[in-house]
N, C-alpha and C. Protein backbone atom coordinates (compact mmCIF):
# COMPACT_ATOMS: atom_id res chain seq x y z
N UNK A 1 -15.88 -49.07 4.34
CA UNK A 1 -14.58 -49.01 3.72
C UNK A 1 -13.59 -48.36 4.70
N UNK A 2 -12.50 -49.00 4.88
CA UNK A 2 -11.49 -48.52 5.83
C UNK A 2 -10.43 -47.71 5.09
N UNK A 3 -10.08 -46.56 5.63
CA UNK A 3 -9.09 -45.68 5.01
C UNK A 3 -7.74 -45.85 5.69
N UNK A 4 -6.72 -45.72 4.90
CA UNK A 4 -5.35 -45.80 5.42
C UNK A 4 -4.92 -44.39 5.85
N UNK A 5 -4.90 -44.11 7.14
CA UNK A 5 -4.47 -42.80 7.61
C UNK A 5 -2.97 -42.75 7.85
N UNK A 6 -2.36 -43.90 7.98
CA UNK A 6 -0.93 -43.94 8.24
C UNK A 6 -0.13 -43.39 7.07
N UNK A 7 -0.53 -43.69 5.85
CA UNK A 7 0.20 -43.21 4.68
C UNK A 7 0.17 -41.69 4.59
N UNK A 8 -0.97 -41.10 4.87
CA UNK A 8 -1.07 -39.64 4.82
C UNK A 8 -0.15 -39.02 5.87
N UNK A 9 -0.07 -39.61 7.03
CA UNK A 9 0.79 -39.10 8.07
C UNK A 9 2.26 -39.22 7.68
N UNK A 10 2.63 -40.32 7.04
CA UNK A 10 4.01 -40.50 6.61
C UNK A 10 4.40 -39.48 5.56
N UNK A 11 3.49 -39.18 4.62
CA UNK A 11 3.77 -38.19 3.59
C UNK A 11 3.97 -36.81 4.17
N UNK A 12 3.18 -36.44 5.16
CA UNK A 12 3.32 -35.14 5.79
C UNK A 12 4.64 -35.05 6.53
N UNK A 13 5.05 -36.13 7.17
CA UNK A 13 6.29 -36.13 7.94
C UNK A 13 7.51 -36.01 7.04
N UNK A 14 7.43 -36.55 5.82
CA UNK A 14 8.58 -36.52 4.92
C UNK A 14 8.51 -35.39 3.91
N UNK A 15 7.45 -34.59 3.95
CA UNK A 15 7.31 -33.48 3.01
C UNK A 15 8.36 -32.41 3.29
N UNK A 16 8.94 -31.82 2.24
CA UNK A 16 9.94 -30.78 2.48
C UNK A 16 9.32 -29.53 3.08
N UNK A 17 10.07 -28.86 3.92
CA UNK A 17 9.59 -27.62 4.53
C UNK A 17 9.89 -26.47 3.58
N UNK A 18 8.89 -25.64 3.33
CA UNK A 18 9.06 -24.48 2.46
C UNK A 18 9.10 -23.21 3.29
N UNK A 19 9.89 -22.25 2.84
CA UNK A 19 10.04 -20.98 3.54
C UNK A 19 9.65 -19.85 2.59
N UNK A 20 9.06 -18.78 3.13
CA UNK A 20 8.77 -17.63 2.29
C UNK A 20 10.00 -16.71 2.24
N UNK A 21 9.92 -15.66 1.45
CA UNK A 21 11.08 -14.79 1.23
C UNK A 21 11.55 -14.13 2.53
N UNK A 22 10.63 -13.76 3.39
CA UNK A 22 11.01 -13.12 4.65
C UNK A 22 11.78 -14.09 5.55
N UNK A 23 11.35 -15.34 5.59
CA UNK A 23 12.04 -16.34 6.42
C UNK A 23 13.43 -16.63 5.87
N UNK A 24 13.55 -16.71 4.55
CA UNK A 24 14.86 -16.94 3.93
C UNK A 24 15.78 -15.76 4.20
N UNK A 25 15.23 -14.55 4.07
CA UNK A 25 16.03 -13.35 4.33
C UNK A 25 16.55 -13.31 5.75
N UNK A 26 15.71 -13.71 6.69
CA UNK A 26 16.14 -13.74 8.10
C UNK A 26 17.22 -14.78 8.31
N UNK A 27 17.06 -15.94 7.68
CA UNK A 27 18.06 -17.02 7.86
C UNK A 27 19.39 -16.65 7.24
N UNK A 28 19.37 -15.97 6.07
CA UNK A 28 20.61 -15.59 5.40
C UNK A 28 21.15 -14.25 5.88
N UNK A 29 20.36 -13.54 6.69
CA UNK A 29 20.72 -12.21 7.18
C UNK A 29 20.93 -11.24 6.03
N UNK A 30 19.97 -11.24 5.10
CA UNK A 30 19.96 -10.31 3.96
C UNK A 30 18.56 -9.74 3.83
N UNK A 31 18.36 -8.82 2.89
CA UNK A 31 17.04 -8.25 2.67
C UNK A 31 16.19 -9.17 1.80
N UNK A 32 14.89 -8.92 1.79
CA UNK A 32 13.99 -9.69 0.93
C UNK A 32 14.32 -9.46 -0.54
N UNK A 33 14.74 -8.24 -0.87
CA UNK A 33 15.12 -7.93 -2.26
C UNK A 33 16.28 -8.81 -2.71
N UNK A 34 17.22 -9.03 -1.82
CA UNK A 34 18.35 -9.89 -2.15
C UNK A 34 17.88 -11.32 -2.38
N UNK A 35 16.92 -11.77 -1.60
CA UNK A 35 16.37 -13.13 -1.79
C UNK A 35 15.73 -13.22 -3.17
N UNK A 36 14.93 -12.21 -3.54
CA UNK A 36 14.29 -12.22 -4.86
C UNK A 36 15.34 -12.18 -5.98
N UNK A 37 16.42 -11.44 -5.78
CA UNK A 37 17.50 -11.39 -6.77
C UNK A 37 18.20 -12.74 -6.90
N UNK A 38 18.43 -13.42 -5.78
CA UNK A 38 19.03 -14.75 -5.81
C UNK A 38 18.15 -15.74 -6.56
N UNK A 39 16.85 -15.62 -6.36
CA UNK A 39 15.91 -16.50 -7.06
C UNK A 39 15.91 -16.19 -8.55
N UNK A 40 15.85 -14.89 -8.90
CA UNK A 40 15.81 -14.48 -10.31
C UNK A 40 17.08 -14.88 -11.06
N UNK A 41 18.23 -14.86 -10.36
CA UNK A 41 19.50 -15.21 -11.00
C UNK A 41 19.70 -16.72 -11.10
N UNK A 42 18.84 -17.49 -10.43
CA UNK A 42 18.94 -18.94 -10.48
C UNK A 42 19.88 -19.53 -9.44
N UNK A 43 20.41 -18.71 -8.56
CA UNK A 43 21.32 -19.22 -7.53
C UNK A 43 20.58 -19.82 -6.35
N UNK A 44 19.27 -19.55 -6.25
CA UNK A 44 18.45 -20.09 -5.18
C UNK A 44 17.17 -20.63 -5.81
N UNK A 45 16.92 -21.91 -5.61
CA UNK A 45 15.74 -22.56 -6.21
C UNK A 45 14.49 -22.15 -5.44
N UNK A 46 13.39 -21.97 -6.18
CA UNK A 46 12.12 -21.60 -5.56
C UNK A 46 10.97 -22.15 -6.38
N UNK A 47 9.82 -22.27 -5.73
CA UNK A 47 8.59 -22.70 -6.37
C UNK A 47 7.60 -21.54 -6.30
N UNK A 48 6.90 -21.28 -7.39
CA UNK A 48 5.89 -20.23 -7.41
C UNK A 48 4.54 -20.85 -7.10
N UNK A 49 4.00 -20.53 -5.94
CA UNK A 49 2.73 -21.10 -5.50
C UNK A 49 1.55 -20.19 -5.86
N UNK A 50 1.82 -19.05 -6.47
CA UNK A 50 0.75 -18.13 -6.84
C UNK A 50 1.26 -17.14 -7.87
N UNK A 51 0.40 -16.29 -8.36
CA UNK A 51 0.80 -15.33 -9.38
C UNK A 51 0.58 -13.91 -8.90
N UNK A 52 1.11 -12.97 -9.64
CA UNK A 52 0.93 -11.57 -9.33
C UNK A 52 1.14 -10.74 -10.58
N UNK A 53 0.50 -9.58 -10.65
CA UNK A 53 0.61 -8.76 -11.85
C UNK A 53 1.96 -8.05 -11.93
N UNK A 54 2.44 -7.54 -10.82
CA UNK A 54 3.69 -6.77 -10.83
C UNK A 54 4.88 -7.65 -10.51
N UNK A 55 4.80 -8.44 -9.47
CA UNK A 55 5.88 -9.34 -9.10
C UNK A 55 5.28 -10.66 -8.66
N UNK A 56 6.06 -11.74 -8.74
CA UNK A 56 5.50 -13.03 -8.35
C UNK A 56 5.13 -13.07 -6.88
N UNK A 57 4.00 -13.62 -6.61
CA UNK A 57 3.54 -13.79 -5.22
C UNK A 57 3.59 -15.27 -4.89
N UNK A 58 3.73 -15.56 -3.66
CA UNK A 58 3.67 -16.95 -3.24
C UNK A 58 4.92 -17.74 -3.56
N UNK A 59 6.06 -17.07 -3.67
CA UNK A 59 7.30 -17.81 -3.89
C UNK A 59 7.67 -18.54 -2.60
N UNK A 60 7.99 -19.80 -2.73
CA UNK A 60 8.39 -20.60 -1.58
C UNK A 60 9.70 -21.28 -1.91
N UNK A 61 10.62 -21.23 -0.98
CA UNK A 61 11.95 -21.80 -1.15
C UNK A 61 12.06 -23.02 -0.25
N UNK A 62 12.43 -24.18 -0.81
CA UNK A 62 12.62 -25.35 0.05
C UNK A 62 13.79 -25.11 1.02
N UNK A 63 13.62 -25.58 2.22
CA UNK A 63 14.69 -25.41 3.22
C UNK A 63 15.98 -26.07 2.74
N UNK A 64 15.85 -27.16 1.99
CA UNK A 64 17.04 -27.84 1.46
C UNK A 64 17.80 -26.95 0.47
N UNK A 65 17.08 -26.09 -0.27
CA UNK A 65 17.73 -25.18 -1.21
C UNK A 65 18.54 -24.11 -0.46
N UNK A 66 18.00 -23.65 0.65
CA UNK A 66 18.73 -22.66 1.47
C UNK A 66 19.98 -23.30 2.05
N UNK A 67 19.86 -24.52 2.54
CA UNK A 67 21.01 -25.24 3.09
C UNK A 67 22.07 -25.46 2.01
N UNK A 68 21.63 -25.85 0.80
CA UNK A 68 22.57 -26.07 -0.30
C UNK A 68 23.24 -24.76 -0.71
N UNK A 69 22.49 -23.66 -0.72
CA UNK A 69 23.08 -22.36 -1.06
C UNK A 69 24.15 -21.97 -0.05
N UNK A 70 23.85 -22.17 1.24
CA UNK A 70 24.84 -21.84 2.27
C UNK A 70 26.08 -22.73 2.16
N UNK A 71 25.89 -23.99 1.85
CA UNK A 71 27.02 -24.91 1.72
C UNK A 71 27.89 -24.54 0.52
N UNK A 72 27.27 -24.07 -0.55
CA UNK A 72 28.02 -23.72 -1.76
C UNK A 72 28.64 -22.34 -1.71
N UNK A 73 28.28 -21.54 -0.72
CA UNK A 73 28.79 -20.17 -0.68
C UNK A 73 29.96 -20.00 0.29
N UNK A 74 30.44 -21.10 0.86
CA UNK A 74 31.56 -20.97 1.79
C UNK A 74 32.86 -20.79 1.00
N UNK A 75 33.75 -20.03 1.56
CA UNK A 75 35.04 -19.80 0.93
C UNK A 75 36.14 -20.19 1.91
N UNK A 76 37.29 -20.51 1.37
CA UNK A 76 38.43 -20.79 2.23
C UNK A 76 39.44 -19.68 2.02
N UNK A 77 40.00 -19.18 3.09
CA UNK A 77 40.98 -18.10 2.95
C UNK A 77 42.24 -18.58 2.23
N UNK A 78 42.77 -17.72 1.39
CA UNK A 78 44.01 -18.05 0.69
C UNK A 78 45.18 -17.84 1.65
N UNK A 79 46.19 -18.62 1.43
CA UNK A 79 47.40 -18.48 2.25
C UNK A 79 48.08 -17.15 1.91
N UNK A 80 48.41 -16.42 2.94
CA UNK A 80 49.06 -15.13 2.74
C UNK A 80 50.55 -15.37 2.52
N UNK A 81 51.04 -14.88 1.40
CA UNK A 81 52.45 -15.10 1.08
C UNK A 81 53.32 -13.98 1.53
């Protein structure tokens, strides 16, 4: 029986990249606590890949969610009158 290895390779190439809280914090130049607060408030989407008794472990943020958050957080200066 012949297996299709090309499909598996295509799925890996198109899979979204996930980042942990430390990587997101570095990219946004904020603390990890701020990243967890953004996730808890719903302003930053995340997936829980594991559990924890005190706080969630294994939170992963899609890179696309970080990009969308940065795009939505830009402001334009108001004209000074």
